[in-house]
Amino acid sequence: MTFLNQLKIILFALFLISYGEIYAQNVISVTAAKATGVNGDVAYAVGQLFYTSFSGSGGVVAQGIQHPKETIITLGTEEFFENSSLLTIYPNPASEFLSLDVKNIDWQNLQYKLFDVNGRTLQDKDFTGNKTQIDLRRLKPAVYFLKITENHNNIRNFKIIKTN
């Protein structure tokens, strides 16, 4: 065995031994940003492929994964409760009209925006009463997003399915 072959084997063995000992942050992301508020800072990345999770008696921490705070229900009647308020959105999926019913909230301060999956605003209107209808007849069957705001502060986002 020649010196060059012995050197290759030694280098390969060192590579295998050190491979398990190398840890590095590995991120391939589409975009990233940092949000700062009164209660602290959060840095996030969108499109991150790799993550590490640690679990213990206090819970689980998943580095690199953003856990959503809200749950989006896509079928049935969607209800939102806060301080004895009730906002009901139905039917979902919808074919012609989407109904927004409000109880115990001042509807005069409520607005809604309807977006397509590309983020384009399709409708941006104020509520017209305790019962407001959104006309979906001119929209193609697809998934849309509805943002409900009160005095231009976000209350809730909904995923809406438009059918034929």
N, C-alpha and C. Protein backbone atom coordinates (compact mmCIF):
# COMPACT_ATOMS: atom_id res chain seq x y z
N MET A 1 0.84 -1.16 0.00
CA MET A 1 0.00 0.00 0.00
C MET A 1 0.90 1.24 0.00
N THR A 2 0.60 2.13 -0.89
CA THR A 2 1.45 3.31 -1.04
C THR A 2 1.10 4.36 0.01
N PHE A 3 2.01 5.28 0.17
CA PHE A 3 1.82 6.37 1.14
C PHE A 3 0.58 7.18 0.83
N LEU A 4 0.31 7.42 -0.45
CA LEU A 4 -0.86 8.20 -0.86
C LEU A 4 -2.15 7.48 -0.50
N ASN A 5 -2.22 6.18 -0.68
CA ASN A 5 -3.41 5.42 -0.31
C ASN A 5 -3.61 5.40 1.20
N GLN A 6 -2.51 5.29 1.96
CA GLN A 6 -2.60 5.33 3.42
C GLN A 6 -3.11 6.69 3.90
N LEU A 7 -2.64 7.76 3.25
CA LEU A 7 -3.07 9.10 3.60
C LEU A 7 -4.57 9.27 3.32
N LYS A 8 -5.05 8.74 2.20
CA LYS A 8 -6.47 8.82 1.86
C LYS A 8 -7.30 8.09 2.90
N ILE A 9 -6.87 6.92 3.33
CA ILE A 9 -7.62 6.14 4.32
C ILE A 9 -7.66 6.88 5.66
N ILE A 10 -6.51 7.45 6.06
CA ILE A 10 -6.45 8.18 7.32
C ILE A 10 -7.37 9.40 7.27
N LEU A 11 -7.33 10.16 6.19
CA LEU A 11 -8.19 11.34 6.05
C LEU A 11 -9.67 10.96 6.04
N PHE A 12 -9.98 9.86 5.36
CA PHE A 12 -11.37 9.40 5.32
C PHE A 12 -11.83 8.98 6.72
N ALA A 13 -10.98 8.28 7.47
CA ALA A 13 -11.31 7.87 8.83
C ALA A 13 -11.50 9.08 9.73
N LEU A 14 -10.65 10.09 9.60
CA LEU A 14 -10.81 11.32 10.38
C LEU A 14 -12.11 12.03 10.04
N PHE A 15 -12.45 12.03 8.77
CA PHE A 15 -13.72 12.63 8.34
C PHE A 15 -14.89 11.92 8.99
N LEU A 16 -14.90 10.58 8.98
CA LEU A 16 -16.01 9.83 9.57
C LEU A 16 -16.11 10.07 11.08
N ILE A 17 -14.96 10.12 11.75
CA ILE A 17 -14.96 10.35 13.19
C ILE A 17 -15.47 11.75 13.51
N SER A 18 -15.02 12.74 12.78
CA SER A 18 -15.41 14.12 13.07
C SER A 18 -16.79 14.48 12.55
N TYR A 19 -17.34 13.71 11.63
CA TYR A 19 -18.65 14.02 11.05
C TYR A 19 -19.73 14.08 12.12
N GLY A 20 -19.72 13.13 13.06
CA GLY A 20 -20.71 13.10 14.11
C GLY A 20 -20.51 14.18 15.15
N GLU A 21 -19.37 14.82 15.20
CA GLU A 21 -19.07 15.83 16.19
C GLU A 21 -19.26 17.25 15.70
N ILE A 22 -19.57 17.42 14.43
CA ILE A 22 -19.73 18.77 13.87
C ILE A 22 -21.20 19.17 13.95
N TYR A 23 -21.46 20.28 14.63
CA TYR A 23 -22.80 20.83 14.72
C TYR A 23 -22.74 22.27 14.23
N ALA A 24 -23.65 22.62 13.35
CA ALA A 24 -23.68 23.99 12.85
C ALA A 24 -25.13 24.35 12.56
N GLN A 25 -25.40 25.63 12.59
CA GLN A 25 -26.73 26.10 12.24
C GLN A 25 -26.85 26.04 10.73
N ASN A 26 -27.89 25.38 10.25
CA ASN A 26 -28.07 25.17 8.83
C ASN A 26 -29.43 25.72 8.43
N VAL A 27 -29.47 26.82 7.71
CA VAL A 27 -30.72 27.46 7.34
C VAL A 27 -30.72 27.78 5.85
N ILE A 28 -31.77 27.33 5.18
CA ILE A 28 -32.05 27.77 3.81
C ILE A 28 -33.43 28.40 3.90
N SER A 29 -33.50 29.71 3.90
CA SER A 29 -34.79 30.35 4.10
C SER A 29 -35.12 31.29 2.94
N VAL A 30 -36.42 31.50 2.78
CA VAL A 30 -36.92 32.40 1.75
C VAL A 30 -36.73 33.85 2.18
N THR A 31 -37.10 34.12 3.44
CA THR A 31 -36.97 35.46 3.99
C THR A 31 -36.86 35.37 5.51
N ALA A 32 -36.39 36.41 6.12
CA ALA A 32 -36.26 36.44 7.57
C ALA A 32 -36.41 37.89 8.04
N ALA A 33 -36.77 38.03 9.32
CA ALA A 33 -36.92 39.38 9.88
C ALA A 33 -36.86 39.28 11.40
N LYS A 34 -36.87 40.44 12.02
CA LYS A 34 -36.87 40.52 13.48
C LYS A 34 -37.98 41.47 13.90
N ALA A 35 -38.82 41.01 14.83
CA ALA A 35 -39.91 41.83 15.34
C ALA A 35 -39.58 42.22 16.77
N THR A 36 -39.72 43.50 17.08
CA THR A 36 -39.40 44.02 18.40
C THR A 36 -40.65 44.64 19.01
N GLY A 37 -40.91 44.31 20.27
CA GLY A 37 -42.06 44.87 20.97
C GLY A 37 -41.70 45.18 22.40
N VAL A 38 -42.70 45.61 23.15
CA VAL A 38 -42.50 45.98 24.54
C VAL A 38 -42.06 44.77 25.36
N ASN A 39 -42.60 43.58 25.04
CA ASN A 39 -42.33 42.38 25.82
C ASN A 39 -41.12 41.59 25.35
N GLY A 40 -40.43 42.04 24.29
CA GLY A 40 -39.24 41.32 23.85
C GLY A 40 -39.08 41.33 22.34
N ASP A 41 -38.15 40.52 21.88
CA ASP A 41 -37.82 40.43 20.46
C ASP A 41 -38.06 39.01 19.97
N VAL A 42 -38.41 38.90 18.69
CA VAL A 42 -38.55 37.61 18.05
C VAL A 42 -37.89 37.69 16.69
N ALA A 43 -36.99 36.76 16.42
CA ALA A 43 -36.40 36.64 15.09
C ALA A 43 -37.00 35.41 14.43
N TYR A 44 -37.36 35.54 13.16
CA TYR A 44 -37.99 34.41 12.49
C TYR A 44 -37.50 34.30 11.06
N ALA A 45 -37.63 33.09 10.52
CA ALA A 45 -37.28 32.81 9.13
C ALA A 45 -38.43 32.06 8.50
N VAL A 46 -38.74 32.37 7.27
CA VAL A 46 -39.80 31.70 6.53
C VAL A 46 -39.15 30.76 5.52
N GLY A 47 -39.60 29.53 5.50
CA GLY A 47 -39.06 28.56 4.55
C GLY A 47 -37.88 27.78 5.10
N GLN A 48 -37.73 27.75 6.42
CA GLN A 48 -36.60 27.05 7.03
C GLN A 48 -36.84 25.55 6.94
N LEU A 49 -35.84 24.81 6.44
CA LEU A 49 -35.99 23.38 6.19
C LEU A 49 -35.57 22.51 7.36
N PHE A 50 -34.62 22.94 8.17
CA PHE A 50 -34.05 22.11 9.22
C PHE A 50 -34.36 22.72 10.58
N TYR A 51 -34.61 21.87 11.56
CA TYR A 51 -34.84 22.36 12.91
C TYR A 51 -34.39 21.33 13.93
N THR A 52 -34.26 21.77 15.15
CA THR A 52 -33.89 20.91 16.26
C THR A 52 -34.92 21.10 17.36
N SER A 53 -35.34 20.01 17.99
CA SER A 53 -36.28 20.14 19.08
C SER A 53 -35.69 19.53 20.34
N PHE A 54 -36.01 20.16 21.47
CA PHE A 54 -35.58 19.71 22.79
C PHE A 54 -36.82 19.56 23.64
N SER A 55 -36.94 18.44 24.35
CA SER A 55 -38.10 18.25 25.22
C SER A 55 -37.63 17.99 26.65
N GLY A 56 -38.43 18.45 27.57
CA GLY A 56 -38.14 18.27 28.98
C GLY A 56 -39.42 18.30 29.76
N SER A 57 -39.31 18.36 31.08
CA SER A 57 -40.49 18.35 31.93
C SER A 57 -41.36 19.59 31.75
N GLY A 58 -40.75 20.70 31.30
CA GLY A 58 -41.49 21.95 31.13
C GLY A 58 -42.15 22.09 29.78
N GLY A 59 -41.90 21.18 28.85
CA GLY A 59 -42.50 21.26 27.52
C GLY A 59 -41.48 20.97 26.43
N VAL A 60 -41.79 21.40 25.23
CA VAL A 60 -40.95 21.15 24.07
C VAL A 60 -40.58 22.48 23.42
N VAL A 61 -39.33 22.63 23.06
CA VAL A 61 -38.87 23.80 22.32
C VAL A 61 -38.39 23.31 20.96
N ALA A 62 -38.93 23.90 19.90
CA ALA A 62 -38.53 23.54 18.54
C ALA A 62 -37.86 24.75 17.92
N GLN A 63 -36.54 24.73 17.86
CA GLN A 63 -35.81 25.84 17.27
C GLN A 63 -36.01 25.81 15.77
N GLY A 64 -36.35 26.95 15.21
CA GLY A 64 -36.51 27.04 13.77
C GLY A 64 -37.92 26.82 13.29
N ILE A 65 -38.85 26.52 14.20
CA ILE A 65 -40.23 26.30 13.80
C ILE A 65 -41.08 27.36 14.48
N GLN A 66 -41.88 28.05 13.69
CA GLN A 66 -42.80 29.05 14.24
C GLN A 66 -44.13 28.37 14.47
N HIS A 67 -44.56 28.31 15.73
CA HIS A 67 -45.82 27.67 16.07
C HIS A 67 -46.92 28.72 16.03
N PRO A 68 -47.98 28.49 15.25
CA PRO A 68 -49.04 29.49 15.17
C PRO A 68 -49.85 29.56 16.45
N LYS A 69 -50.31 30.76 16.77
CA LYS A 69 -51.12 30.97 17.96
C LYS A 69 -52.58 30.67 17.69
N GLU A 70 -53.03 30.94 16.47
CA GLU A 70 -54.43 30.74 16.19
C GLU A 70 -54.64 29.51 15.32
N THR A 71 -55.82 28.95 15.43
CA THR A 71 -56.21 27.79 14.64
C THR A 71 -57.21 28.25 13.61
N ILE A 72 -57.01 27.85 12.37
CA ILE A 72 -57.94 28.21 11.31
C ILE A 72 -58.79 26.98 10.99
N ILE A 73 -60.10 27.12 11.15
CA ILE A 73 -61.02 26.03 10.82
C ILE A 73 -61.61 26.36 9.46
N THR A 74 -61.50 25.44 8.52
CA THR A 74 -61.89 25.76 7.16
C THR A 74 -63.29 25.30 6.78
N LEU A 75 -63.90 24.42 7.55
CA LEU A 75 -65.23 23.94 7.20
C LEU A 75 -66.19 24.17 8.35
N GLY A 76 -67.46 24.39 8.02
CA GLY A 76 -68.47 24.55 9.04
C GLY A 76 -68.71 26.00 9.40
N THR A 77 -69.19 26.22 10.60
CA THR A 77 -69.45 27.56 11.11
C THR A 77 -68.28 27.97 11.99
N GLU A 78 -67.73 29.11 11.72
CA GLU A 78 -66.58 29.61 12.49
C GLU A 78 -67.09 30.64 13.49
N GLU A 79 -66.78 30.45 14.77
CA GLU A 79 -67.21 31.38 15.80
C GLU A 79 -65.99 31.93 16.52
N PHE A 80 -66.07 33.20 16.90
CA PHE A 80 -64.98 33.86 17.61
C PHE A 80 -65.54 34.46 18.89
N PHE A 81 -65.00 34.04 20.02
CA PHE A 81 -65.47 34.53 21.31
C PHE A 81 -64.38 35.38 21.96
N GLU A 82 -64.74 36.51 22.49
CA GLU A 82 -63.83 37.32 23.29
C GLU A 82 -64.66 38.32 24.06
N ASN A 83 -64.54 38.30 25.36
CA ASN A 83 -65.27 39.22 26.24
C ASN A 83 -66.77 39.20 25.95
N SER A 84 -67.36 38.03 25.90
CA SER A 84 -68.80 37.83 25.64
C SER A 84 -69.21 38.34 24.27
N SER A 85 -68.28 38.45 23.35
CA SER A 85 -68.60 38.86 21.98
C SER A 85 -68.70 37.62 21.12
N LEU A 86 -69.45 37.72 20.07
CA LEU A 86 -69.60 36.57 19.18
C LEU A 86 -69.61 37.05 17.73
N LEU A 87 -68.72 36.47 16.95
CA LEU A 87 -68.65 36.73 15.53
C LEU A 87 -68.78 35.38 14.84
N THR A 88 -69.82 35.20 14.04
CA THR A 88 -70.07 33.93 13.36
C THR A 88 -69.94 34.16 11.86
N ILE A 89 -69.17 33.30 11.21
CA ILE A 89 -68.96 33.38 9.76
C ILE A 89 -69.43 32.06 9.16
N TYR A 90 -70.38 32.15 8.22
CA TYR A 90 -70.95 30.93 7.62
C TYR A 90 -71.53 31.26 6.25
N PRO A 91 -71.79 30.32 5.38
CA PRO A 91 -71.28 28.95 5.41
C PRO A 91 -69.84 28.93 4.91
N ASN A 92 -69.12 27.93 5.26
CA ASN A 92 -67.75 27.77 4.78
C ASN A 92 -67.51 26.29 4.58
N PRO A 93 -67.45 25.85 3.35
CA PRO A 93 -67.33 26.55 2.07
C PRO A 93 -68.62 27.27 1.67
N ALA A 94 -68.44 28.29 0.84
CA ALA A 94 -69.56 29.10 0.36
C ALA A 94 -69.51 29.18 -1.16
N SER A 95 -70.70 29.34 -1.76
CA SER A 95 -70.74 29.43 -3.23
C SER A 95 -71.12 30.83 -3.72
N GLU A 96 -72.06 31.50 -3.06
CA GLU A 96 -72.51 32.81 -3.52
C GLU A 96 -72.26 33.93 -2.51
N PHE A 97 -72.67 33.72 -1.26
CA PHE A 97 -72.53 34.74 -0.23
C PHE A 97 -71.92 34.13 1.03
N LEU A 98 -71.13 34.94 1.72
CA LEU A 98 -70.58 34.58 3.01
C LEU A 98 -71.22 35.52 4.03
N SER A 99 -71.83 34.97 5.07
CA SER A 99 -72.53 35.77 6.07
C SER A 99 -71.64 36.00 7.28
N LEU A 100 -71.64 37.23 7.78
CA LEU A 100 -70.91 37.61 8.98
C LEU A 100 -71.93 38.13 9.98
N ASP A 101 -72.15 37.40 11.08
CA ASP A 101 -73.11 37.79 12.11
C ASP A 101 -72.34 38.23 13.34
N VAL A 102 -72.73 39.40 13.90
CA VAL A 102 -72.04 39.99 15.04
C VAL A 102 -73.02 40.14 16.20
N LYS A 103 -72.58 39.71 17.39
CA LYS A 103 -73.36 39.92 18.61
C LYS A 103 -72.43 40.49 19.66
N ASN A 104 -72.90 41.48 20.41
CA ASN A 104 -72.16 42.09 21.52
C ASN A 104 -70.88 42.77 21.07
N ILE A 105 -70.79 43.18 19.83
CA ILE A 105 -69.67 43.98 19.33
C ILE A 105 -70.29 45.16 18.59
N ASP A 106 -69.69 46.32 18.70
CA ASP A 106 -70.15 47.48 17.94
C ASP A 106 -69.73 47.29 16.49
N TRP A 107 -70.66 46.91 15.64
CA TRP A 107 -70.36 46.60 14.25
C TRP A 107 -69.87 47.82 13.48
N GLN A 108 -70.16 49.02 13.97
CA GLN A 108 -69.75 50.23 13.25
C GLN A 108 -68.23 50.42 13.25
N ASN A 109 -67.51 49.71 14.14
CA ASN A 109 -66.05 49.80 14.19
C ASN A 109 -65.36 48.65 13.47
N LEU A 110 -66.15 47.75 12.86
CA LEU A 110 -65.58 46.56 12.23
C LEU A 110 -65.39 46.75 10.73
N GLN A 111 -64.30 46.21 10.23
CA GLN A 111 -64.02 46.20 8.80
C GLN A 111 -63.62 44.78 8.41
N TYR A 112 -63.71 44.49 7.11
CA TYR A 112 -63.20 43.21 6.62
C TYR A 112 -62.43 43.43 5.33
N LYS A 113 -61.44 42.57 5.12
CA LYS A 113 -60.69 42.55 3.87
C LYS A 113 -60.65 41.12 3.39
N LEU A 114 -60.88 40.93 2.10
CA LEU A 114 -60.82 39.62 1.48
C LEU A 114 -59.61 39.58 0.55
N PHE A 115 -58.76 38.57 0.73
CA PHE A 115 -57.52 38.43 -0.04
C PHE A 115 -57.53 37.12 -0.81
N ASP A 116 -56.84 37.11 -1.95
CA ASP A 116 -56.60 35.84 -2.63
C ASP A 116 -55.31 35.23 -2.09
N VAL A 117 -54.93 34.05 -2.60
CA VAL A 117 -53.74 33.36 -2.07
C VAL A 117 -52.45 34.09 -2.40
N ASN A 118 -52.47 35.02 -3.34
CA ASN A 118 -51.29 35.82 -3.66
C ASN A 118 -51.19 37.09 -2.83
N GLY A 119 -52.16 37.31 -1.93
CA GLY A 119 -52.13 38.48 -1.07
C GLY A 119 -52.77 39.72 -1.66
N ARG A 120 -53.38 39.61 -2.83
CA ARG A 120 -54.06 40.76 -3.43
C ARG A 120 -55.38 41.02 -2.71
N THR A 121 -55.65 42.28 -2.40
CA THR A 121 -56.90 42.66 -1.75
C THR A 121 -58.01 42.67 -2.79
N LEU A 122 -59.04 41.86 -2.55
CA LEU A 122 -60.18 41.77 -3.46
C LEU A 122 -61.34 42.64 -3.00
N GLN A 123 -61.54 42.71 -1.69
CA GLN A 123 -62.58 43.56 -1.11
C GLN A 123 -62.04 44.16 0.18
N ASP A 124 -62.35 45.42 0.41
CA ASP A 124 -61.94 46.13 1.62
C ASP A 124 -63.11 47.02 2.01
N LYS A 125 -63.95 46.56 2.96
CA LYS A 125 -65.19 47.27 3.27
C LYS A 125 -65.45 47.29 4.76
N ASP A 126 -66.35 48.20 5.16
CA ASP A 126 -66.84 48.25 6.53
C ASP A 126 -68.04 47.31 6.66
N PHE A 127 -68.29 46.84 7.88
CA PHE A 127 -69.50 46.07 8.14
C PHE A 127 -70.70 46.98 7.91
N THR A 128 -71.77 46.41 7.41
CA THR A 128 -72.97 47.20 7.11
C THR A 128 -74.04 47.05 8.18
N GLY A 129 -73.83 46.20 9.17
CA GLY A 129 -74.79 45.98 10.24
C GLY A 129 -74.40 44.75 11.03
N ASN A 130 -75.31 44.33 11.93
CA ASN A 130 -75.05 43.11 12.70
C ASN A 130 -74.97 41.89 11.82
N LYS A 131 -75.61 41.95 10.67
CA LYS A 131 -75.54 40.87 9.69
C LYS A 131 -75.01 41.47 8.39
N THR A 132 -73.80 41.07 8.02
CA THR A 132 -73.16 41.58 6.81
C THR A 132 -72.92 40.40 5.88
N GLN A 133 -73.17 40.62 4.59
CA GLN A 133 -72.93 39.58 3.61
C GLN A 133 -71.83 40.01 2.64
N ILE A 134 -70.97 39.06 2.31
CA ILE A 134 -69.92 39.29 1.32
C ILE A 134 -70.31 38.54 0.06
N ASP A 135 -70.38 39.25 -1.04
CA ASP A 135 -70.75 38.66 -2.33
C ASP A 135 -69.53 37.96 -2.92
N LEU A 136 -69.65 36.66 -3.10
CA LEU A 136 -68.57 35.85 -3.66
C LEU A 136 -68.85 35.40 -5.10
N ARG A 137 -69.96 35.82 -5.67
CA ARG A 137 -70.39 35.30 -6.97
C ARG A 137 -69.40 35.58 -8.10
N ARG A 138 -68.68 36.70 -8.03
CA ARG A 138 -67.75 37.03 -9.12
C ARG A 138 -66.37 36.39 -8.93
N LEU A 139 -66.18 35.68 -7.83
CA LEU A 139 -64.88 35.05 -7.56
C LEU A 139 -64.85 33.63 -8.09
N LYS A 140 -63.68 33.21 -8.50
CA LYS A 140 -63.48 31.84 -8.97
C LYS A 140 -63.41 30.90 -7.78
N PRO A 141 -63.78 29.63 -7.97
CA PRO A 141 -63.62 28.66 -6.89
C PRO A 141 -62.14 28.56 -6.49
N ALA A 142 -61.85 28.82 -5.23
CA ALA A 142 -60.47 28.80 -4.74
C ALA A 142 -60.49 29.02 -3.23
N VAL A 143 -59.31 29.12 -2.64
CA VAL A 143 -59.16 29.45 -1.22
C VAL A 143 -58.87 30.94 -1.12
N TYR A 144 -59.56 31.60 -0.20
CA TYR A 144 -59.37 33.02 0.05
C TYR A 144 -59.15 33.24 1.55
N PHE A 145 -58.67 34.41 1.90
CA PHE A 145 -58.43 34.74 3.29
C PHE A 145 -59.23 35.99 3.65
N LEU A 146 -59.90 35.93 4.80
CA LEU A 146 -60.74 37.02 5.28
C LEU A 146 -60.12 37.56 6.56
N LYS A 147 -59.86 38.86 6.58
CA LYS A 147 -59.26 39.52 7.75
C LYS A 147 -60.32 40.44 8.36
N ILE A 148 -60.62 40.22 9.64
CA ILE A 148 -61.58 41.04 10.35
C ILE A 148 -60.80 41.99 11.26
N THR A 149 -61.11 43.28 11.17
CA THR A 149 -60.42 44.27 12.00
C THR A 149 -61.44 45.12 12.75
N GLU A 150 -61.00 45.64 13.89
CA GLU A 150 -61.81 46.58 14.66
C GLU A 150 -60.97 47.84 14.82
N ASN A 151 -61.47 48.95 14.27
CA ASN A 151 -60.72 50.21 14.24
C ASN A 151 -59.33 49.98 13.63
N HIS A 152 -59.28 49.18 12.59
CA HIS A 152 -58.07 48.86 11.83
C HIS A 152 -57.04 48.06 12.63
N ASN A 153 -57.45 47.46 13.75
CA ASN A 153 -56.61 46.53 14.50
C ASN A 153 -57.10 45.12 14.24
N ASN A 154 -56.20 44.22 13.88
CA ASN A 154 -56.57 42.87 13.50
C ASN A 154 -57.23 42.13 14.66
N ILE A 155 -58.41 41.54 14.38
CA ILE A 155 -59.10 40.70 15.36
C ILE A 155 -58.85 39.24 15.04
N ARG A 156 -59.09 38.84 13.78
CA ARG A 156 -59.01 37.43 13.43
C ARG A 156 -58.90 37.29 11.93
N ASN A 157 -58.23 36.21 11.49
CA ASN A 157 -58.12 35.86 10.08
C ASN A 157 -58.80 34.51 9.87
N PHE A 158 -59.48 34.38 8.74
CA PHE A 158 -60.19 33.16 8.42
C PHE A 158 -59.78 32.68 7.03
N LYS A 159 -59.75 31.38 6.86
CA LYS A 159 -59.56 30.79 5.54
C LYS A 159 -60.95 30.46 5.00
N ILE A 160 -61.26 30.99 3.82
CA ILE A 160 -62.57 30.82 3.21
C ILE A 160 -62.42 29.98 1.95
N ILE A 161 -63.30 29.01 1.77
CA ILE A 161 -63.27 28.19 0.56
C ILE A 161 -64.47 28.57 -0.29
N LYS A 162 -64.19 29.02 -1.52
CA LYS A 162 -65.24 29.39 -2.49
C LYS A 162 -65.45 28.20 -3.42
N THR A 163 -66.70 27.74 -3.53
CA THR A 163 -67.05 26.63 -4.41
C THR A 163 -67.93 27.13 -5.55
N ASN A 164 -68.25 26.25 -6.47
CA ASN A 164 -69.16 26.59 -7.59
C ASN A 164 -70.57 26.71 -7.11
